[in-house]
Amino acid sequence: MKKYTVEIVSSVRDEIFEYIRFIRDEYKSPLTAERHLIGLLDEINSLSSFAESIQVSTRQRVLIHGPNARSIKYKKLCIIYTVHNERVIVHELLPCSMIISDL
C-alpha cells in the first residue's frame, strides 16, 4: 500500500485553531473543541493511506487549487487537498455549504 506524507499549509493550521477556539469560546465547550480537534487531525492524517482513492473534484471552488484537487468531509467541514507524488498537501478548510452551492 502506498503511503503519503501529509503537509498542512500554515493558513490551514490557523483556520483549524480558529475553528477550535470558536467552539471552545463561543459555545463554552472545551471538551467538544478537543474532540473536534482530534477528529479533524485524524481525518487529515488518514489521507496518508488513501489520498488518491478519492475522486478528483469537479467543483470550481475546489479546483482553484489545481486540476487534481480533491476534498473530503469532516462533520460540516470540507478539507481540500492535492496529491503530488508521495505528498498530500492540505490547502484549505471550508464549510461544505460553500462547495455544495458551487454548481
N, C-alpha and C. Protein backbone atom coordinates (compact mmCIF):
# COMPACT_ATOMS: atom_id res chain seq x y z
N MET A 1 0.85 -1.18 0.00
CA MET A 1 0.00 0.00 0.00
C MET A 1 0.90 1.25 0.00
N LYS A 2 0.52 2.19 -0.82
CA LYS A 2 1.29 3.43 -0.94
C LYS A 2 1.01 4.32 0.27
N LYS A 3 2.07 4.90 0.82
CA LYS A 3 1.93 5.84 1.95
C LYS A 3 2.33 7.23 1.48
N TYR A 4 1.58 8.22 1.92
CA TYR A 4 1.82 9.61 1.56
C TYR A 4 2.25 10.39 2.80
N THR A 5 3.04 11.42 2.57
CA THR A 5 3.37 12.38 3.62
C THR A 5 2.34 13.49 3.55
N VAL A 6 1.70 13.80 4.66
CA VAL A 6 0.66 14.83 4.68
C VAL A 6 1.26 16.14 5.18
N GLU A 7 1.09 17.18 4.39
CA GLU A 7 1.55 18.52 4.76
C GLU A 7 0.34 19.44 4.85
N ILE A 8 0.29 20.23 5.90
CA ILE A 8 -0.81 21.19 6.10
C ILE A 8 -0.25 22.59 5.90
N VAL A 9 -0.81 23.32 4.95
CA VAL A 9 -0.39 24.69 4.69
C VAL A 9 -0.63 25.51 5.96
N SER A 10 0.27 26.45 6.25
CA SER A 10 0.19 27.21 7.51
C SER A 10 -1.14 27.94 7.68
N SER A 11 -1.71 28.44 6.59
CA SER A 11 -3.00 29.13 6.72
C SER A 11 -4.10 28.17 7.15
N VAL A 12 -3.99 26.90 6.78
CA VAL A 12 -4.97 25.89 7.20
C VAL A 12 -4.81 25.61 8.69
N ARG A 13 -3.56 25.56 9.15
CA ARG A 13 -3.34 25.38 10.61
C ARG A 13 -4.03 26.49 11.38
N ASP A 14 -3.89 27.71 10.88
CA ASP A 14 -4.55 28.85 11.52
C ASP A 14 -6.07 28.69 11.51
N GLU A 15 -6.62 28.23 10.38
CA GLU A 15 -8.07 28.03 10.27
C GLU A 15 -8.55 26.96 11.25
N ILE A 16 -7.76 25.90 11.39
CA ILE A 16 -8.13 24.83 12.32
C ILE A 16 -8.20 25.37 13.74
N PHE A 17 -7.19 26.10 14.15
CA PHE A 17 -7.18 26.59 15.52
C PHE A 17 -8.22 27.69 15.75
N GLU A 18 -8.54 28.46 14.72
CA GLU A 18 -9.62 29.44 14.83
C GLU A 18 -10.96 28.72 15.02
N TYR A 19 -11.18 27.66 14.27
CA TYR A 19 -12.39 26.84 14.38
C TYR A 19 -12.50 26.25 15.79
N ILE A 20 -11.41 25.71 16.31
CA ILE A 20 -11.41 25.11 17.64
C ILE A 20 -11.64 26.16 18.71
N ARG A 21 -10.98 27.31 18.57
CA ARG A 21 -11.20 28.40 19.54
C ARG A 21 -12.66 28.85 19.54
N PHE A 22 -13.26 28.90 18.35
CA PHE A 22 -14.66 29.31 18.26
C PHE A 22 -15.55 28.35 19.05
N ILE A 23 -15.36 27.06 18.88
CA ILE A 23 -16.16 26.07 19.62
C ILE A 23 -15.90 26.22 21.12
N ARG A 24 -14.65 26.35 21.49
CA ARG A 24 -14.30 26.45 22.91
C ARG A 24 -14.87 27.71 23.56
N ASP A 25 -14.71 28.87 22.87
CA ASP A 25 -15.06 30.15 23.48
C ASP A 25 -16.52 30.54 23.29
N GLU A 26 -17.02 30.40 22.07
CA GLU A 26 -18.40 30.83 21.79
C GLU A 26 -19.43 29.87 22.38
N TYR A 27 -19.15 28.59 22.28
CA TYR A 27 -20.09 27.60 22.80
C TYR A 27 -19.72 27.15 24.21
N LYS A 28 -18.62 27.69 24.74
CA LYS A 28 -18.18 27.35 26.10
C LYS A 28 -18.09 25.83 26.27
N SER A 29 -17.42 25.20 25.30
CA SER A 29 -17.37 23.75 25.29
C SER A 29 -15.96 23.24 24.98
N PRO A 30 -15.07 23.30 25.96
CA PRO A 30 -13.69 22.88 25.71
C PRO A 30 -13.55 21.40 25.37
N LEU A 31 -14.37 20.52 25.94
CA LEU A 31 -14.26 19.10 25.63
C LEU A 31 -14.69 18.81 24.20
N THR A 32 -15.75 19.46 23.75
CA THR A 32 -16.19 19.31 22.37
C THR A 32 -15.13 19.84 21.42
N ALA A 33 -14.53 20.97 21.77
CA ALA A 33 -13.47 21.55 20.94
C ALA A 33 -12.30 20.57 20.83
N GLU A 34 -11.93 19.96 21.94
CA GLU A 34 -10.82 19.00 21.93
C GLU A 34 -11.16 17.79 21.06
N ARG A 35 -12.39 17.27 21.18
CA ARG A 35 -12.81 16.13 20.36
C ARG A 35 -12.81 16.49 18.87
N HIS A 36 -13.25 17.72 18.54
CA HIS A 36 -13.24 18.16 17.15
C HIS A 36 -11.81 18.26 16.63
N LEU A 37 -10.91 18.78 17.42
CA LEU A 37 -9.52 18.90 17.00
C LEU A 37 -8.92 17.52 16.73
N ILE A 38 -9.12 16.61 17.65
CA ILE A 38 -8.58 15.25 17.48
C ILE A 38 -9.19 14.58 16.25
N GLY A 39 -10.50 14.69 16.09
CA GLY A 39 -11.17 14.08 14.94
C GLY A 39 -10.73 14.68 13.62
N LEU A 40 -10.61 16.00 13.58
CA LEU A 40 -10.20 16.68 12.36
C LEU A 40 -8.78 16.31 11.97
N LEU A 41 -7.87 16.32 12.94
CA LEU A 41 -6.48 15.93 12.65
C LEU A 41 -6.37 14.46 12.26
N ASP A 42 -7.18 13.60 12.88
CA ASP A 42 -7.19 12.19 12.49
C ASP A 42 -7.67 12.04 11.04
N GLU A 43 -8.70 12.80 10.67
CA GLU A 43 -9.23 12.73 9.31
C GLU A 43 -8.17 13.20 8.31
N ILE A 44 -7.50 14.28 8.62
CA ILE A 44 -6.44 14.79 7.74
C ILE A 44 -5.30 13.77 7.64
N ASN A 45 -4.89 13.23 8.75
CA ASN A 45 -3.78 12.26 8.74
C ASN A 45 -4.16 10.95 8.06
N SER A 46 -5.44 10.63 8.02
CA SER A 46 -5.87 9.41 7.33
C SER A 46 -5.60 9.47 5.83
N LEU A 47 -5.41 10.68 5.31
CA LEU A 47 -5.10 10.83 3.89
C LEU A 47 -3.76 10.17 3.54
N SER A 48 -2.92 9.92 4.51
CA SER A 48 -1.64 9.27 4.25
C SER A 48 -1.83 7.86 3.68
N SER A 49 -2.99 7.28 3.88
CA SER A 49 -3.25 5.92 3.41
C SER A 49 -4.06 5.85 2.12
N PHE A 50 -4.97 6.80 1.90
CA PHE A 50 -5.89 6.63 0.77
C PHE A 50 -6.12 7.89 -0.06
N ALA A 51 -5.22 8.82 -0.04
CA ALA A 51 -5.44 10.13 -0.67
C ALA A 51 -5.88 10.05 -2.12
N GLU A 52 -5.26 9.19 -2.92
CA GLU A 52 -5.59 9.13 -4.34
C GLU A 52 -6.83 8.31 -4.64
N SER A 53 -7.37 7.63 -3.65
CA SER A 53 -8.59 6.86 -3.90
C SER A 53 -9.84 7.75 -3.95
N ILE A 54 -9.72 8.99 -3.51
CA ILE A 54 -10.81 9.95 -3.58
C ILE A 54 -10.83 10.56 -4.99
N GLN A 55 -12.00 10.64 -5.55
CA GLN A 55 -12.16 11.17 -6.90
C GLN A 55 -11.76 12.65 -6.98
N VAL A 56 -11.15 13.04 -8.09
CA VAL A 56 -10.82 14.45 -8.33
C VAL A 56 -12.13 15.22 -8.41
N SER A 57 -12.18 16.38 -7.79
CA SER A 57 -13.40 17.17 -7.72
C SER A 57 -13.74 17.81 -9.06
N THR A 58 -15.02 18.08 -9.24
CA THR A 58 -15.48 18.84 -10.41
C THR A 58 -15.98 20.22 -9.99
N ARG A 59 -15.93 20.51 -8.71
CA ARG A 59 -16.40 21.80 -8.19
C ARG A 59 -15.37 22.89 -8.41
N GLN A 60 -15.81 24.02 -8.93
CA GLN A 60 -14.90 25.13 -9.21
C GLN A 60 -14.19 25.62 -7.96
N ARG A 61 -14.89 25.64 -6.84
CA ARG A 61 -14.31 26.14 -5.59
C ARG A 61 -13.15 25.28 -5.12
N VAL A 62 -13.19 24.00 -5.46
CA VAL A 62 -12.12 23.08 -5.11
C VAL A 62 -11.00 23.17 -6.15
N LEU A 63 -11.37 23.26 -7.41
CA LEU A 63 -10.39 23.23 -8.50
C LEU A 63 -9.50 24.47 -8.58
N ILE A 64 -9.80 25.51 -7.80
CA ILE A 64 -8.89 26.66 -7.79
C ILE A 64 -7.52 26.26 -7.23
N HIS A 65 -7.44 25.11 -6.59
CA HIS A 65 -6.19 24.61 -6.02
C HIS A 65 -5.43 23.70 -6.98
N GLY A 66 -5.96 23.53 -8.18
CA GLY A 66 -5.27 22.72 -9.18
C GLY A 66 -6.19 21.71 -9.82
N PRO A 67 -5.80 21.18 -10.98
CA PRO A 67 -6.67 20.27 -11.71
C PRO A 67 -6.84 18.90 -11.05
N ASN A 68 -6.00 18.58 -10.08
CA ASN A 68 -6.15 17.30 -9.39
C ASN A 68 -6.62 17.48 -7.94
N ALA A 69 -7.27 18.60 -7.64
CA ALA A 69 -7.73 18.88 -6.27
C ALA A 69 -8.89 17.96 -5.90
N ARG A 70 -8.93 17.59 -4.64
CA ARG A 70 -9.95 16.69 -4.11
C ARG A 70 -10.42 17.24 -2.77
N SER A 71 -11.52 16.68 -2.28
CA SER A 71 -11.98 17.10 -0.95
C SER A 71 -12.60 15.93 -0.21
N ILE A 72 -12.46 15.97 1.11
CA ILE A 72 -13.13 15.02 1.99
C ILE A 72 -13.86 15.83 3.05
N LYS A 73 -14.84 15.19 3.67
CA LYS A 73 -15.64 15.86 4.69
C LYS A 73 -15.24 15.41 6.09
N TYR A 74 -15.30 16.36 7.00
CA TYR A 74 -15.26 16.05 8.43
C TYR A 74 -16.36 16.89 9.06
N LYS A 75 -17.38 16.21 9.55
CA LYS A 75 -18.58 16.88 10.07
C LYS A 75 -19.12 17.81 8.99
N LYS A 76 -19.17 19.12 9.20
CA LYS A 76 -19.68 20.05 8.19
C LYS A 76 -18.57 20.83 7.50
N LEU A 77 -17.35 20.32 7.63
CA LEU A 77 -16.20 20.97 7.01
C LEU A 77 -15.69 20.14 5.84
N CYS A 78 -15.15 20.82 4.84
CA CYS A 78 -14.51 20.15 3.72
C CYS A 78 -13.02 20.46 3.77
N ILE A 79 -12.25 19.42 3.64
CA ILE A 79 -10.80 19.51 3.63
C ILE A 79 -10.38 19.38 2.17
N ILE A 80 -9.78 20.43 1.63
CA ILE A 80 -9.38 20.44 0.22
C ILE A 80 -7.88 20.17 0.14
N TYR A 81 -7.51 19.22 -0.72
CA TYR A 81 -6.11 18.83 -0.81
C TYR A 81 -5.74 18.43 -2.24
N THR A 82 -4.45 18.36 -2.50
CA THR A 82 -3.92 17.84 -3.76
C THR A 82 -2.87 16.79 -3.44
N VAL A 83 -2.63 15.93 -4.42
CA VAL A 83 -1.63 14.87 -4.28
C VAL A 83 -0.53 15.13 -5.31
N HIS A 84 0.71 15.13 -4.83
CA HIS A 84 1.88 15.33 -5.68
C HIS A 84 2.89 14.24 -5.33
N ASN A 85 3.03 13.25 -6.21
CA ASN A 85 3.93 12.12 -5.98
C ASN A 85 3.61 11.46 -4.65
N GLU A 86 4.48 11.57 -3.67
CA GLU A 86 4.29 10.93 -2.36
C GLU A 86 3.77 11.90 -1.31
N ARG A 87 3.34 13.10 -1.73
CA ARG A 87 2.92 14.14 -0.79
C ARG A 87 1.45 14.50 -0.97
N VAL A 88 0.78 14.69 0.15
CA VAL A 88 -0.58 15.24 0.17
C VAL A 88 -0.45 16.63 0.78
N ILE A 89 -0.95 17.62 0.07
CA ILE A 89 -0.90 19.00 0.58
C ILE A 89 -2.32 19.46 0.85
N VAL A 90 -2.59 19.78 2.11
CA VAL A 90 -3.91 20.28 2.50
C VAL A 90 -3.88 21.79 2.30
N HIS A 91 -4.76 22.28 1.41
CA HIS A 91 -4.75 23.69 1.01
C HIS A 91 -5.77 24.56 1.72
N GLU A 92 -6.92 23.96 2.07
CA GLU A 92 -7.99 24.81 2.59
C GLU A 92 -8.96 23.99 3.41
N LEU A 93 -9.58 24.66 4.36
CA LEU A 93 -10.62 24.10 5.20
C LEU A 93 -11.81 25.03 5.08
N LEU A 94 -12.94 24.50 4.58
CA LEU A 94 -14.11 25.33 4.31
C LEU A 94 -15.37 24.67 4.84
N PRO A 95 -16.40 25.48 5.14
CA PRO A 95 -17.71 24.88 5.38
C PRO A 95 -18.17 24.20 4.08
N CYS A 96 -18.68 23.00 4.17
CA CYS A 96 -19.10 22.26 2.97
C CYS A 96 -20.20 23.00 2.20
N SER A 97 -20.97 23.81 2.88
CA SER A 97 -22.03 24.55 2.21
C SER A 97 -21.46 25.49 1.13
N MET A 98 -20.23 25.95 1.29
CA MET A 98 -19.62 26.83 0.30
C MET A 98 -19.28 26.04 -0.98
N ILE A 99 -19.03 24.77 -0.85
CA ILE A 99 -18.69 23.96 -2.01
C ILE A 99 -19.94 23.43 -2.69
N ILE A 100 -20.92 23.01 -1.90
CA ILE A 100 -22.16 22.47 -2.44
C ILE A 100 -22.90 23.52 -3.27
N SER A 101 -22.84 24.77 -2.84
CA SER A 101 -23.56 25.81 -3.56
C SER A 101 -22.85 26.20 -4.87
N ASP A 102 -21.68 25.63 -5.12
CA ASP A 102 -20.88 25.92 -6.31
C ASP A 102 -21.29 24.99 -7.45
N LEU A 103 -22.39 25.26 -8.10
CA LEU A 103 -22.83 24.42 -9.22
C LEU A 103 -22.69 25.09 -10.53
